[in-house]
Amino acid sequence: MARTALVYLGAALAEIGGCYALWMVLRLGRSGWWLLPGLASLALFGALLTLVESSAAGRAFAAYGGVYIAASLGWMWAVEGARPDRWDMAGAALCLAGAAVILLAPRGA
C-alpha cells in the first residue's frame, strides 16, 4: 500500500507540473519552451500510473483522482501561495476517503 501511495503522489506531481507548464504558457505569458518539460512531465505521469497494482486500469485511475485533488491543493499552497480553505480541505478529505474505499474494498479473485 505504501508503494501505491508513493506512485500516486509521484503521478500527481508529474501531472500537475505538466499541466502547470501549459498554464504558465497560456495564462501567464511564459515562453513556449515550458511546453517541453511539461510534455515530459505528462509522459512520466502516464508511465507512473502503469505501476499501480490493479486488476483494472479504470479502478487505478479512479482511486488516483482523490490523490490528485489533494495534491492539487497542496500545489496551490506551495507553488501559487494560495492557502486552501476549510471547504477545500473538507472536499479533499472526502475525495481521499472515496479513493480509500476503491483501493481497500474487499474483492473476490
Foldseek 3Di string as FASTA:
>chain_A
DVLLVVLLLLLLVLQVQLVVLVCCVPPVVDDPVSNVSSVVSNVSSVVSLVPDDDPDSVLSVQLSVLVNLVVVQVCCCPPVVDHDDPVSVVVSVVSNVVSCCSVVPDDDD
